[in-house]
Structures are given as C-alpha cells and as structure tokens.
Amino acid sequence: FYRRAKIFAFTSTSEGFPNVLGEAMGASLASISFDCNAGPSDLIDDGVNGFLVTEMDHAGYKQKLRQLMTNNALRNRLSEQAFISVQKFSTEKICNEYLNFMLAN
C-alpha cells in the first residue's frame, strides 16, 4: 500500500512511538499527523518533513491535507525529507549504537 500511496494521513490522537508513521516516512510518503501528546513530533519536524497539526484542529488538518493533495512540489519535498529524516531510526544505525553501548560498558 505504501508503494501505491503519495500521502500518509495519520489521524491518531494518542500514541507512544508511532511505528506506522515511521514506516510511511521510510517509504517516502509525505505525512500529516495530529501533534498528540507523544510520538508524531519525534518523527515530524513541521513543514520540513511533514505536517503536524494541533490536536483536534480538524479544519487545520483538512487545510494541510488539501495542500499535500494539490501541491506536487511541496509533497515531493516533504517526501524526500521524510525518507532522509527517519534514517536515524534504521536498523543498521540503531544496532550499531546498541553494539557500541554494549562494548563500551
């Protein structure tokens, strides 16, 4: 499904670490999410690699989603930045950090 999509619209208002959002960004999808208490802001830098909308601001969410749907240049820029930004969570990077931590102690 990620390969066929261009946008990931995440509507959750309660999260821990949103794995599905990370997966979508790793698939180069322009993403939009409510800025709930925890999670999405760990992945999305608003306007840089996706959109964060104040929780329960449905009008704002619709407006940003409409921008993603109609502005190809914006959507492409956010998609590229999304992919780049989630590389800090790649298996290789995390495993190497864990290994280095274990070897240091």
N, C-alpha and C. Protein backbone atom coordinates (compact mmCIF):
# COMPACT_ATOMS: atom_id res chain seq x y z
N PHE A 1 0.81 -1.19 0.00
CA PHE A 1 0.00 0.00 0.00
C PHE A 1 0.87 1.27 0.00
N TYR A 2 1.97 1.22 0.74
CA TYR A 2 2.85 2.39 0.77
C TYR A 2 3.37 2.73 -0.62
N ARG A 3 3.70 1.73 -1.41
CA ARG A 3 4.24 1.99 -2.75
C ARG A 3 3.22 2.64 -3.68
N ARG A 4 1.95 2.41 -3.43
CA ARG A 4 0.91 2.99 -4.28
C ARG A 4 0.47 4.37 -3.80
N ALA A 5 0.85 4.73 -2.59
CA ALA A 5 0.40 5.99 -1.98
C ALA A 5 1.41 7.10 -2.20
N LYS A 6 0.94 8.33 -2.02
CA LYS A 6 1.81 9.50 -2.06
C LYS A 6 1.75 10.27 -0.74
N ILE A 7 0.68 10.04 0.02
CA ILE A 7 0.44 10.77 1.27
C ILE A 7 0.06 9.76 2.35
N PHE A 8 0.52 10.03 3.56
CA PHE A 8 0.09 9.25 4.72
C PHE A 8 -0.59 10.19 5.68
N ALA A 9 -1.88 9.99 5.90
CA ALA A 9 -2.67 10.83 6.80
C ALA A 9 -2.90 10.06 8.09
N PHE A 10 -2.20 10.46 9.13
CA PHE A 10 -2.24 9.79 10.43
C PHE A 10 -3.19 10.57 11.33
N THR A 11 -4.27 9.95 11.75
CA THR A 11 -5.30 10.67 12.50
C THR A 11 -5.36 10.31 13.97
N SER A 12 -4.41 9.53 14.45
CA SER A 12 -4.40 9.14 15.85
C SER A 12 -4.25 10.36 16.76
N THR A 13 -4.89 10.31 17.90
CA THR A 13 -4.74 11.39 18.89
C THR A 13 -4.13 10.88 20.19
N SER A 14 -3.64 9.64 20.17
CA SER A 14 -2.98 9.08 21.33
C SER A 14 -1.94 8.08 20.84
N GLU A 15 -0.69 8.34 21.15
CA GLU A 15 0.39 7.49 20.64
C GLU A 15 1.49 7.35 21.67
N GLY A 16 2.27 6.31 21.47
CA GLY A 16 3.57 6.17 22.10
C GLY A 16 4.54 6.55 21.00
N PHE A 17 5.31 5.58 20.53
CA PHE A 17 6.13 5.82 19.34
C PHE A 17 5.36 5.26 18.16
N PRO A 18 5.00 6.11 17.20
CA PRO A 18 4.13 5.69 16.09
C PRO A 18 4.90 4.94 14.99
N ASN A 19 5.06 3.64 15.16
CA ASN A 19 5.80 2.84 14.18
C ASN A 19 5.25 3.00 12.77
N VAL A 20 3.95 3.01 12.63
CA VAL A 20 3.36 3.09 11.30
C VAL A 20 3.71 4.42 10.61
N LEU A 21 3.82 5.48 11.36
CA LEU A 21 4.23 6.76 10.81
C LEU A 21 5.68 6.69 10.33
N GLY A 22 6.54 6.06 11.12
CA GLY A 22 7.92 5.87 10.72
C GLY A 22 8.04 5.02 9.46
N GLU A 23 7.21 3.99 9.37
CA GLU A 23 7.21 3.14 8.17
C GLU A 23 6.79 3.95 6.95
N ALA A 24 5.77 4.76 7.11
CA ALA A 24 5.28 5.57 5.99
C ALA A 24 6.34 6.57 5.53
N MET A 25 6.99 7.20 6.49
CA MET A 25 8.04 8.16 6.14
C MET A 25 9.23 7.45 5.51
N GLY A 26 9.52 6.24 5.98
CA GLY A 26 10.59 5.44 5.40
C GLY A 26 10.26 5.00 3.98
N ALA A 27 8.98 5.00 3.64
CA ALA A 27 8.53 4.69 2.28
C ALA A 27 8.39 5.97 1.45
N SER A 28 8.95 7.06 1.95
CA SER A 28 8.95 8.37 1.27
C SER A 28 7.56 8.94 1.06
N LEU A 29 6.69 8.77 2.04
CA LEU A 29 5.36 9.37 1.93
C LEU A 29 5.32 10.71 2.66
N ALA A 30 4.77 11.70 2.01
CA ALA A 30 4.50 12.97 2.68
C ALA A 30 3.46 12.68 3.75
N SER A 31 3.75 13.04 4.98
CA SER A 31 2.89 12.65 6.09
C SER A 31 2.33 13.85 6.83
N ILE A 32 1.13 13.62 7.35
CA ILE A 32 0.46 14.62 8.18
C ILE A 32 -0.08 13.90 9.40
N SER A 33 0.01 14.56 10.55
CA SER A 33 -0.42 13.94 11.79
C SER A 33 -0.89 15.01 12.76
N PHE A 34 -1.81 14.62 13.64
CA PHE A 34 -2.10 15.47 14.78
C PHE A 34 -0.89 15.44 15.69
N ASP A 35 -0.59 16.54 16.32
CA ASP A 35 0.53 16.66 17.25
C ASP A 35 0.06 16.23 18.62
N CYS A 36 -0.18 14.93 18.79
CA CYS A 36 -0.68 14.43 20.07
C CYS A 36 0.44 14.41 21.10
N ASN A 37 0.09 14.07 22.30
CA ASN A 37 0.96 14.19 23.46
C ASN A 37 2.36 13.62 23.26
N ALA A 38 2.47 12.48 22.63
CA ALA A 38 3.77 11.85 22.42
C ALA A 38 3.77 11.14 21.07
N GLY A 39 4.91 11.13 20.45
CA GLY A 39 5.07 10.32 19.25
C GLY A 39 5.32 11.04 17.96
N PRO A 40 4.30 11.57 17.31
CA PRO A 40 4.50 12.16 15.99
C PRO A 40 5.56 13.24 15.93
N SER A 41 5.68 14.04 16.98
CA SER A 41 6.69 15.10 16.95
C SER A 41 8.11 14.56 17.10
N ASP A 42 8.24 13.27 17.47
CA ASP A 42 9.55 12.63 17.48
C ASP A 42 10.02 12.34 16.06
N LEU A 43 9.08 12.29 15.13
CA LEU A 43 9.39 11.97 13.74
C LEU A 43 9.23 13.15 12.79
N ILE A 44 8.20 13.94 13.00
CA ILE A 44 7.89 15.03 12.08
C ILE A 44 8.38 16.36 12.63
N ASP A 45 9.13 17.05 11.79
CA ASP A 45 9.52 18.44 12.04
C ASP A 45 8.59 19.25 11.15
N ASP A 46 7.60 19.89 11.74
CA ASP A 46 6.50 20.53 11.00
C ASP A 46 7.00 21.42 9.86
N GLY A 47 6.51 21.12 8.67
CA GLY A 47 6.84 21.91 7.49
C GLY A 47 8.16 21.54 6.85
N VAL A 48 8.94 20.70 7.51
CA VAL A 48 10.24 20.28 6.97
C VAL A 48 10.14 18.90 6.33
N ASN A 49 9.59 17.93 7.08
CA ASN A 49 9.48 16.57 6.56
C ASN A 49 8.06 16.01 6.71
N GLY A 50 7.12 16.89 6.93
CA GLY A 50 5.72 16.51 7.10
C GLY A 50 4.98 17.66 7.77
N PHE A 51 3.74 17.39 8.13
CA PHE A 51 2.95 18.41 8.82
C PHE A 51 2.45 17.87 10.16
N LEU A 52 2.59 18.69 11.18
CA LEU A 52 1.97 18.45 12.48
C LEU A 52 0.87 19.48 12.67
N VAL A 53 -0.30 19.00 13.05
CA VAL A 53 -1.45 19.88 13.23
C VAL A 53 -1.89 19.78 14.69
N THR A 54 -2.21 20.91 15.28
CA THR A 54 -2.68 20.93 16.66
C THR A 54 -3.78 19.89 16.84
N GLU A 55 -3.64 19.12 17.91
CA GLU A 55 -4.59 18.04 18.17
C GLU A 55 -6.04 18.54 18.13
N MET A 56 -6.85 17.82 17.41
CA MET A 56 -8.29 18.06 17.24
C MET A 56 -8.62 19.31 16.41
N ASP A 57 -7.65 19.92 15.77
CA ASP A 57 -7.90 21.03 14.85
C ASP A 57 -8.24 20.45 13.47
N HIS A 58 -9.47 20.02 13.34
CA HIS A 58 -9.90 19.35 12.11
C HIS A 58 -9.85 20.26 10.90
N ALA A 59 -10.17 21.51 11.07
CA ALA A 59 -10.10 22.45 9.95
C ALA A 59 -8.65 22.62 9.48
N GLY A 60 -7.73 22.75 10.43
CA GLY A 60 -6.32 22.87 10.08
C GLY A 60 -5.79 21.61 9.42
N TYR A 61 -6.24 20.47 9.90
CA TYR A 61 -5.83 19.19 9.32
C TYR A 61 -6.30 19.11 7.87
N LYS A 62 -7.56 19.45 7.64
CA LYS A 62 -8.10 19.43 6.26
C LYS A 62 -7.33 20.38 5.36
N GLN A 63 -6.98 21.55 5.86
CA GLN A 63 -6.27 22.54 5.06
C GLN A 63 -4.89 22.02 4.66
N LYS A 64 -4.14 21.43 5.61
CA LYS A 64 -2.81 20.90 5.33
C LYS A 64 -2.90 19.68 4.41
N LEU A 65 -3.90 18.85 4.62
CA LEU A 65 -4.08 17.68 3.76
C LEU A 65 -4.39 18.11 2.33
N ARG A 66 -5.21 19.14 2.20
CA ARG A 66 -5.53 19.66 0.87
C ARG A 66 -4.26 20.19 0.19
N GLN A 67 -3.40 20.85 0.96
CA GLN A 67 -2.12 21.32 0.41
C GLN A 67 -1.31 20.15 -0.14
N LEU A 68 -1.22 19.08 0.63
CA LEU A 68 -0.47 17.91 0.17
C LEU A 68 -1.08 17.30 -1.08
N MET A 69 -2.39 17.33 -1.17
CA MET A 69 -3.07 16.73 -2.31
C MET A 69 -2.93 17.56 -3.59
N THR A 70 -2.76 18.86 -3.44
CA THR A 70 -2.78 19.73 -4.62
C THR A 70 -1.44 20.34 -5.00
N ASN A 71 -0.46 20.28 -4.12
CA ASN A 71 0.83 20.92 -4.38
C ASN A 71 1.90 19.84 -4.55
N ASN A 72 2.15 19.45 -5.79
CA ASN A 72 3.11 18.38 -6.07
C ASN A 72 4.51 18.70 -5.58
N ALA A 73 4.96 19.94 -5.77
CA ALA A 73 6.32 20.32 -5.36
C ALA A 73 6.47 20.20 -3.83
N LEU A 74 5.50 20.67 -3.10
CA LEU A 74 5.52 20.58 -1.64
C LEU A 74 5.52 19.11 -1.21
N ARG A 75 4.62 18.34 -1.79
CA ARG A 75 4.51 16.92 -1.44
C ARG A 75 5.83 16.19 -1.72
N ASN A 76 6.44 16.47 -2.86
CA ASN A 76 7.71 15.82 -3.21
C ASN A 76 8.83 16.23 -2.26
N ARG A 77 8.88 17.51 -1.89
CA ARG A 77 9.92 17.98 -0.96
C ARG A 77 9.76 17.31 0.40
N LEU A 78 8.53 17.26 0.91
CA LEU A 78 8.29 16.63 2.21
C LEU A 78 8.59 15.13 2.16
N SER A 79 8.26 14.50 1.04
CA SER A 79 8.53 13.07 0.88
C SER A 79 10.02 12.78 0.94
N GLU A 80 10.80 13.58 0.23
CA GLU A 80 12.26 13.38 0.24
C GLU A 80 12.83 13.58 1.63
N GLN A 81 12.39 14.64 2.29
CA GLN A 81 12.90 14.93 3.63
C GLN A 81 12.44 13.88 4.65
N ALA A 82 11.24 13.34 4.46
CA ALA A 82 10.73 12.30 5.36
C ALA A 82 11.66 11.09 5.32
N PHE A 83 11.99 10.65 4.12
CA PHE A 83 12.86 9.49 3.97
C PHE A 83 14.21 9.73 4.63
N ILE A 84 14.78 10.89 4.38
CA ILE A 84 16.09 11.22 4.95
C ILE A 84 16.02 11.25 6.48
N SER A 85 14.99 11.87 7.01
CA SER A 85 14.93 12.08 8.47
C SER A 85 14.74 10.80 9.27
N VAL A 86 14.06 9.79 8.72
CA VAL A 86 13.85 8.57 9.50
C VAL A 86 15.02 7.60 9.42
N GLN A 87 16.04 7.95 8.65
CA GLN A 87 17.22 7.08 8.59
C GLN A 87 17.91 6.97 9.94
N LYS A 88 17.69 7.95 10.81
CA LYS A 88 18.28 7.87 12.15
C LYS A 88 17.70 6.72 12.97
N PHE A 89 16.59 6.15 12.50
CA PHE A 89 15.97 5.01 13.17
C PHE A 89 16.21 3.70 12.42
N SER A 90 17.10 3.71 11.43
CA SER A 90 17.34 2.50 10.64
C SER A 90 17.89 1.39 11.53
N THR A 91 17.63 0.16 11.13
CA THR A 91 18.11 -0.99 11.88
C THR A 91 19.63 -0.94 12.01
N GLU A 92 20.32 -0.62 10.93
CA GLU A 92 21.77 -0.57 10.96
C GLU A 92 22.27 0.45 11.98
N LYS A 93 21.70 1.64 11.97
CA LYS A 93 22.14 2.69 12.88
C LYS A 93 21.84 2.32 14.33
N ILE A 94 20.64 1.87 14.61
CA ILE A 94 20.24 1.53 15.98
C ILE A 94 21.05 0.34 16.49
N CYS A 95 21.24 -0.67 15.65
CA CYS A 95 22.02 -1.84 16.08
C CYS A 95 23.47 -1.47 16.36
N ASN A 96 24.05 -0.63 15.53
CA ASN A 96 25.42 -0.18 15.77
C ASN A 96 25.54 0.62 17.06
N GLU A 97 24.56 1.48 17.34
CA GLU A 97 24.59 2.24 18.58
C GLU A 97 24.47 1.31 19.79
N TYR A 98 23.61 0.32 19.68
CA TYR A 98 23.43 -0.65 20.77
C TYR A 98 24.72 -1.44 20.98
N LEU A 99 25.31 -1.92 19.89
CA LEU A 99 26.56 -2.67 19.98
C LEU A 99 27.67 -1.81 20.60
N ASN A 100 27.80 -0.57 20.15
CA ASN A 100 28.81 0.32 20.72
C ASN A 100 28.58 0.57 22.21
N PHE A 101 27.33 0.70 22.59
CA PHE A 101 27.00 0.88 24.01
C PHE A 101 27.42 -0.35 24.82
N MET A 102 27.09 -1.53 24.29
CA MET A 102 27.43 -2.77 25.00
C MET A 102 28.94 -2.97 25.10
N LEU A 103 29.66 -2.63 24.05
CA LEU A 103 31.11 -2.81 24.05
C LEU A 103 31.81 -1.79 24.95
N ALA A 104 31.20 -0.64 25.14
CA ALA A 104 31.78 0.42 25.97
C ALA A 104 31.62 0.13 27.46
N ASN A 105 30.69 -0.72 27.80
CA ASN A 105 30.41 -0.98 29.23
C ASN A 105 30.93 -2.31 29.67
